[in-house]
Amino acid sequence: MADLSNLLQLGQQMQFRLSEIQSQLAQQTVTCTAGGGIVAATADGRGQIRAIKIDPQAIARSRFSCRSNRPCRLSKIS
């Protein structure tokens, strides 16, 4: 019975450590760029996108257009 008790205690310790590591990862961010730095995206350790930056000159130089008479806007990613 002592072996089962030790196994359960080890499982609880591993679960606690995993929770700590997940919390630490959630605090960290990674930023990746594409197109020579024209676009940059930042994500946290949970894989959630926290920011996207696009060089305004890249849009001005492109053939980007809207189908409406209103100015084009980039939407927030949810």
Protein backbone atom coordinates (compact mmCIF):
# COMPACT_ATOMS: atom_id res chain seq x y z
CA MET A 1 0.00 0.00 0.00
CA ALA A 2 2.95 2.31 0.56
CA ASP A 3 3.85 2.02 -3.13
CA LEU A 4 0.40 3.24 -4.15
CA SER A 5 0.64 6.14 -1.71
CA ASN A 6 4.06 7.09 -3.08
CA LEU A 7 2.74 6.86 -6.65
CA LEU A 8 -0.19 9.15 -5.84
CA GLN A 9 2.12 11.65 -4.15
CA LEU A 10 4.45 11.60 -7.16
CA GLY A 11 1.47 12.20 -9.46
CA GLN A 12 0.40 15.22 -7.40
CA GLN A 13 3.93 16.63 -7.49
CA MET A 14 4.08 16.21 -11.27
CA GLN A 15 0.69 17.88 -11.68
CA PHE A 16 1.79 20.84 -9.55
CA ARG A 17 5.05 21.20 -11.52
CA LEU A 18 3.18 21.03 -14.83
CA SER A 19 0.85 23.78 -13.63
CA GLU A 20 3.86 25.95 -12.71
CA ILE A 21 5.48 25.42 -16.11
CA GLN A 22 2.25 26.25 -17.97
CA SER A 23 1.92 29.44 -15.95
CA GLN A 24 5.50 30.44 -16.77
CA LEU A 25 4.96 29.74 -20.47
CA ALA A 26 1.83 31.87 -20.50
CA GLN A 27 3.94 34.83 -19.35
CA GLN A 28 6.47 34.47 -22.18
CA THR A 29 6.00 35.81 -25.68
CA VAL A 30 7.60 35.05 -29.01
CA THR A 31 7.70 37.44 -31.96
CA CYS A 32 8.19 36.20 -35.51
CA THR A 33 8.61 38.31 -38.62
CA ALA A 34 7.98 37.72 -42.30
CA GLY A 35 8.74 39.58 -45.48
CA GLY A 36 11.96 41.06 -44.18
CA GLY A 37 10.22 42.53 -41.14
CA ILE A 38 7.19 43.92 -42.96
CA VAL A 39 4.87 41.78 -40.83
CA ALA A 40 5.47 40.81 -37.20
CA ALA A 41 3.26 38.60 -35.02
CA THR A 42 3.59 38.11 -31.27
CA ALA A 43 2.13 35.07 -29.50
CA ASP A 44 2.18 33.93 -25.89
CA GLY A 45 3.13 30.52 -24.53
CA ARG A 46 -0.47 29.36 -24.84
CA GLY A 47 -0.42 30.00 -28.58
CA GLN A 48 -2.66 33.07 -28.40
CA ILE A 49 -1.81 35.84 -30.86
CA ARG A 50 -1.23 39.00 -28.82
CA ALA A 51 -0.17 41.46 -31.53
CA ILE A 52 0.22 41.76 -35.28
CA LYS A 53 2.14 44.66 -36.76
CA ILE A 54 2.16 45.48 -40.45
CA ASP A 55 4.43 48.15 -41.87
CA PRO A 56 2.05 50.85 -43.18
CA GLN A 57 4.30 51.43 -46.17
CA ALA A 58 3.77 47.81 -47.23
CA ILE A 59 0.06 48.46 -47.57
CA ALA A 60 0.63 51.79 -49.32
CA ARG A 61 2.95 50.11 -51.86
CA SER A 62 0.63 47.17 -52.54
CA ARG A 63 -2.38 46.88 -54.75
CA PHE A 64 -4.51 46.58 -51.63
CA SER A 65 -8.02 47.86 -52.23
CA CYS A 66 -11.44 47.71 -50.67
CA ARG A 67 -14.70 46.95 -52.33
CA SER A 68 -16.56 49.70 -50.52
CA ASN A 69 -16.36 53.49 -50.64
CA ARG A 70 -15.10 53.58 -47.05
CA PRO A 71 -11.41 53.52 -46.06
CA CYS A 72 -10.06 50.02 -45.50
CA ARG A 73 -9.38 48.87 -41.95
CA LEU A 74 -7.76 45.80 -40.52
CA SER A 75 -10.00 43.96 -38.08
CA LYS A 76 -8.99 42.80 -34.64
CA ILE A 77 -8.21 39.11 -34.44
CA SER A 78 -10.29 37.31 -31.88
